[in-house]
């Protein structure tokens, strides 16, 4: 009777084991047929207890196609600015008053009857005037401050080796110098005079003197050791515009 009990228990255990194996096989088969649903990717780092932050990530303003379009627009604007500055520079350089001041030139003296040195700071004007006066053996005419610098070289109106351009006072500007010179030329019956001034001033002087003397005048310039300042160049440009519009000498 004890043997029958053991047999019964053994049979029950085998049945339970068989049932468990059948259940596991069924579950495995169901897992193969039904794919797992992937977890939703939130784009956020996760820890053991879920997302580490409850706030969605912020997209950088420098990423993505929108930022590329902004960069392209900025490059185009920069190119347009550079192009505009280039066109403006060329326009300024080719404009007549600017070109005349930045690129001055001298006239060729044509057997002058007199050398007129305009007033202005610098020994170089008087020195060139004295040199030309000697070369052509013609009178040296001095205006305003030119008399001071010529005095340093021994040329004085009181000595008779120079002529002062005073009517009766010295001229206060280049336009008056042109007027006084035209009167002197008429009085002495001169056919041609050469004007000596600074290189950056030759263009304006040429315009004003030709308004009074026409082709009876030539203008030559001499450069200062330190050169003209930006302010002096700008004043010359403004003076040329005025001389060619509303402020004629004659």
Protein backbone atom coordinates (compact mmCIF):
# COMPACT_ATOMS: atom_id res chain seq x y z
CA UNK A 1 0.00 0.00 0.00
CA UNK A 2 2.94 2.31 0.69
CA UNK A 3 4.23 1.61 -2.84
CA UNK A 4 0.94 2.68 -4.35
CA UNK A 5 1.11 6.00 -2.50
CA UNK A 6 4.62 6.70 -3.80
CA UNK A 7 3.54 5.93 -7.33
CA UNK A 8 0.60 8.29 -7.06
CA UNK A 9 2.75 11.16 -5.75
CA UNK A 10 5.35 10.59 -8.44
CA UNK A 11 2.70 10.69 -11.14
CA UNK A 12 1.25 13.94 -9.75
CA UNK A 13 4.67 15.61 -9.81
CA UNK A 14 5.26 14.57 -13.42
CA UNK A 15 1.87 15.93 -14.42
CA UNK A 16 2.59 19.28 -12.73
CA UNK A 17 5.99 19.46 -14.40
CA UNK A 18 4.46 18.67 -17.77
CA UNK A 19 1.80 21.35 -17.25
CA UNK A 20 4.45 23.91 -16.33
CA UNK A 21 6.55 23.10 -19.37
CA UNK A 22 3.50 23.33 -21.63
CA UNK A 23 2.60 26.74 -20.16
CA UNK A 24 6.16 28.04 -20.64
CA UNK A 25 6.21 26.80 -24.22
CA UNK A 26 2.93 28.54 -24.93
CA UNK A 27 4.20 31.82 -23.43
CA UNK A 28 7.41 31.65 -25.45
CA UNK A 29 5.47 31.00 -28.64
CA UNK A 30 3.24 33.98 -27.94
CA UNK A 31 6.32 36.17 -27.35
CA UNK A 32 7.77 35.23 -30.74
CA UNK A 33 4.53 36.02 -32.58
CA UNK A 34 3.83 39.32 -30.77
CA UNK A 35 6.77 41.82 -31.11
CA UNK A 36 7.53 44.01 -28.21
CA UNK A 37 6.32 47.61 -28.37
CA UNK A 38 9.44 49.81 -28.26
CA UNK A 39 9.66 52.36 -25.51
CA UNK A 40 8.89 55.92 -26.56
CA UNK A 41 12.11 57.82 -27.15
CA UNK A 42 11.66 61.22 -25.61
CA UNK A 43 15.11 62.40 -26.49
CA UNK A 44 15.84 62.85 -22.78
CA UNK A 45 18.32 61.02 -20.60
CA UNK A 46 16.60 58.49 -18.36
CA UNK A 47 17.56 56.97 -15.06
CA UNK A 48 16.36 54.01 -13.17
CA UNK A 49 13.19 55.84 -12.14
CA UNK A 50 12.39 57.46 -15.50
CA UNK A 51 13.38 60.77 -17.08
CA UNK A 52 15.88 62.84 -15.17
CA UNK A 53 14.04 66.06 -16.03
CA UNK A 54 10.47 66.95 -16.70
CA UNK A 55 11.34 69.78 -19.16
CA UNK A 56 11.67 69.13 -22.89
CA UNK A 57 15.09 69.84 -24.39
CA UNK A 58 15.63 73.27 -25.93
CA UNK A 59 16.91 73.30 -29.49
CA UNK A 60 19.98 75.47 -30.00
CA UNK A 61 19.48 78.57 -32.16
CA UNK A 62 22.62 77.70 -34.09
CA UNK A 63 21.40 74.27 -35.16
CA UNK A 64 19.09 73.30 -37.96
CA UNK A 65 18.20 74.67 -41.38
CA UNK A 66 16.89 77.96 -39.96
CA UNK A 67 20.32 78.92 -38.63
CA UNK A 68 21.89 78.11 -41.99
CA UNK A 69 19.51 80.52 -43.72
CA UNK A 70 20.39 83.24 -41.21
CA UNK A 71 24.10 82.67 -41.84
CA UNK A 72 23.59 82.90 -45.61
CA UNK A 73 21.68 86.18 -45.24
CA UNK A 74 24.43 87.62 -43.07
CA UNK A 75 27.09 86.67 -45.60
CA UNK A 76 25.09 88.29 -48.39
CA UNK A 77 24.65 91.50 -46.38
CA UNK A 78 28.39 91.62 -45.68
CA UNK A 79 29.17 91.16 -49.36
CA UNK A 80 26.74 93.94 -50.30
CA UNK A 81 28.31 96.30 -47.75
CA UNK A 82 31.80 95.57 -49.08
CA UNK A 83 30.61 96.11 -52.64
CA UNK A 84 28.94 99.40 -51.74
CA UNK A 85 32.08 100.66 -49.99
CA UNK A 86 34.15 99.72 -53.02
CA UNK A 87 31.83 101.56 -55.39
CA UNK A 88 31.82 104.60 -53.10
CA UNK A 89 35.62 104.64 -52.93
CA UNK A 90 35.94 104.46 -56.71
CA UNK A 91 33.35 107.21 -57.07
CA UNK A 92 35.19 109.49 -54.66
CA UNK A 93 38.53 108.88 -56.33
CA UNK A 94 37.13 109.56 -59.78
CA UNK A 95 35.16 112.66 -58.71
CA UNK A 96 36.83 115.73 -60.18
CA UNK A 97 37.56 117.80 -56.98
CA UNK A 98 38.84 114.76 -55.07
CA UNK A 99 41.01 113.64 -57.96
CA UNK A 100 42.47 117.13 -58.42
CA UNK A 101 43.48 117.34 -54.75
CA UNK A 102 44.81 113.79 -54.41
CA UNK A 103 46.53 113.77 -57.81
CA UNK A 104 47.84 117.31 -58.34
CA UNK A 105 49.87 118.29 -61.40
CA UNK A 106 52.02 121.23 -62.42
CA UNK A 107 51.68 123.42 -65.48
CA UNK A 108 54.73 124.02 -67.64
CA UNK A 109 55.96 127.61 -67.17
CA UNK A 110 55.71 129.44 -70.50
CA UNK A 111 58.44 132.11 -70.42
CA UNK A 112 56.79 134.00 -67.57
CA UNK A 113 57.15 137.72 -67.05
CA UNK A 114 56.88 137.30 -63.30
CA UNK A 115 56.85 134.64 -60.55
CA UNK A 116 54.09 135.05 -57.95
CA UNK A 117 54.54 133.22 -54.63
CA UNK A 118 51.26 132.80 -52.78
CA UNK A 119 51.01 133.22 -49.03
CA UNK A 120 51.00 130.19 -46.80
CA UNK A 121 53.03 128.45 -44.17
CA UNK A 122 56.29 126.89 -45.26
CA UNK A 123 59.68 127.98 -46.53
CA UNK A 124 59.42 125.71 -49.57
CA UNK A 125 57.10 128.05 -51.54
CA UNK A 126 59.48 131.00 -51.26
CA UNK A 127 62.48 128.84 -52.10
CA UNK A 128 60.89 127.54 -55.31
CA UNK A 129 59.77 131.04 -56.27
CA UNK A 130 63.29 132.41 -55.80
CA UNK A 131 64.71 129.55 -57.87
CA UNK A 132 62.28 130.16 -60.76
CA UNK A 133 62.83 133.92 -60.58
CA UNK A 134 66.55 133.37 -61.04
CA UNK A 135 66.09 130.78 -63.77
CA UNK A 136 63.84 133.00 -65.91
CA UNK A 137 65.42 136.29 -64.75
CA UNK A 138 62.04 137.82 -63.98
CA UNK A 139 60.65 139.74 -60.96
CA UNK A 140 59.70 137.84 -57.79
CA UNK A 141 56.24 138.80 -56.50
CA UNK A 142 55.45 137.94 -52.87
CA UNK A 143 52.01 137.69 -51.27
CA UNK A 144 51.32 138.02 -47.54
CA UNK A 145 53.31 135.45 -45.48
CA UNK A 146 55.56 134.63 -48.46
CA UNK A 147 57.37 137.90 -47.70
CA UNK A 148 58.48 136.56 -44.31
CA UNK A 149 60.04 133.43 -45.75
CA UNK A 150 61.64 135.32 -48.64
CA UNK A 151 63.18 137.72 -46.13
CA UNK A 152 65.03 134.74 -44.67
CA UNK A 153 66.72 134.38 -48.07
CA UNK A 154 67.55 138.07 -48.42
CA UNK A 155 64.63 139.05 -50.68
CA UNK A 156 62.76 142.15 -49.52
CA UNK A 157 60.40 144.50 -51.23
CA UNK A 158 62.23 147.42 -49.62
CA UNK A 159 65.47 146.31 -51.29
CA UNK A 160 63.90 146.24 -54.73
CA UNK A 161 64.70 142.58 -55.44
CA UNK A 162 61.08 141.57 -54.81
CA UNK A 163 57.61 143.01 -55.41
CA UNK A 164 54.97 142.90 -52.67
CA UNK A 165 51.49 141.98 -53.82
CA UNK A 166 49.62 144.52 -51.66
CA UNK A 167 46.65 146.69 -52.71
CA UNK A 168 47.45 148.37 -50.29
CA UNK A 169 47.04 145.46 -47.89
CA UNK A 170 47.95 141.89 -48.55
CA UNK A 171 45.27 139.53 -49.82
CA UNK A 172 43.34 137.54 -47.24
CA UNK A 173 42.62 134.51 -49.43
CA UNK A 174 43.44 132.91 -52.76
CA UNK A 175 40.60 134.64 -54.60
CA UNK A 176 41.93 138.06 -53.59
CA UNK A 177 45.44 137.00 -54.59
CA UNK A 178 44.07 136.21 -58.06
CA UNK A 179 42.38 139.62 -58.25
CA UNK A 180 45.52 141.49 -57.12
CA UNK A 181 47.70 139.55 -59.54
CA UNK A 182 45.37 140.35 -62.45
CA UNK A 183 45.64 144.05 -61.59
CA UNK A 184 49.45 143.84 -61.41
CA UNK A 185 49.65 142.02 -64.75
CA UNK A 186 47.50 144.70 -66.36
CA UNK A 187 49.57 147.52 -64.87
CA UNK A 188 52.90 146.08 -66.01
CA UNK A 189 51.71 144.76 -69.32
CA UNK A 190 52.82 141.22 -68.60
CA UNK A 191 51.73 138.48 -70.93
CA UNK A 192 52.18 135.49 -68.60
CA UNK A 193 52.88 134.76 -64.93
CA UNK A 194 53.72 131.59 -63.02
CA UNK A 195 52.04 130.98 -59.66
CA UNK A 196 53.92 129.09 -56.95
CA UNK A 197 51.97 127.37 -54.17
CA UNK A 198 51.74 124.07 -52.31
CA UNK A 199 51.06 120.94 -54.37
CA UNK A 200 47.71 120.17 -52.73
CA UNK A 201 46.62 123.79 -53.41
CA UNK A 202 47.48 123.91 -57.12
CA UNK A 203 44.03 122.80 -58.35
CA UNK A 204 42.08 125.49 -56.51
CA UNK A 205 44.66 128.17 -57.31
CA UNK A 206 44.55 127.24 -61.00
CA UNK A 207 40.76 127.56 -61.10
CA UNK A 208 40.69 130.95 -59.35
CA UNK A 209 43.61 132.51 -61.24
CA UNK A 210 42.29 131.40 -64.62
CA UNK A 211 38.98 133.04 -63.78
CA UNK A 212 40.90 136.33 -63.69
CA UNK A 213 43.77 135.75 -66.15
CA UNK A 214 42.62 132.99 -68.48
CA UNK A 215 45.53 131.29 -70.24
CA UNK A 216 47.97 133.96 -69.06
CA UNK A 217 48.79 131.93 -65.97
CA UNK A 218 50.49 128.64 -65.13
CA UNK A 219 50.56 127.06 -61.68
CA UNK A 220 53.29 124.94 -60.11
CA UNK A 221 53.38 123.36 -56.68
CA UNK A 222 55.89 122.21 -54.12
CA UNK A 223 55.34 119.59 -51.42
CA UNK A 224 55.87 120.12 -47.72
CA UNK A 225 58.13 117.65 -45.92
CA UNK A 226 55.27 116.53 -43.66
CA UNK A 227 52.61 116.67 -46.39
CA UNK A 228 49.09 118.07 -46.08
CA UNK A 229 46.78 116.90 -43.34
CA UNK A 230 43.40 115.32 -43.94
CA UNK A 231 41.73 118.54 -42.86
CA UNK A 232 43.74 120.56 -45.39
CA UNK A 233 42.76 118.19 -48.18
CA UNK A 234 39.11 118.41 -47.22
CA UNK A 235 39.27 122.21 -47.18
CA UNK A 236 40.78 122.19 -50.66
CA UNK A 237 37.99 119.93 -51.95
CA UNK A 238 35.38 122.25 -50.46
CA UNK A 239 37.22 125.26 -51.87
CA UNK A 240 37.23 123.78 -55.38
CA UNK A 241 33.50 123.16 -55.19
CA UNK A 242 32.95 126.75 -54.05
CA UNK A 243 35.29 128.21 -56.69
CA UNK A 244 33.49 126.38 -59.48
CA UNK A 245 30.00 127.34 -58.31
CA UNK A 246 29.25 130.43 -56.23
CA UNK A 247 32.56 131.98 -55.18
CA UNK A 248 34.38 133.01 -58.37
CA UNK A 249 37.45 135.20 -58.05
CA UNK A 250 36.60 137.39 -61.07
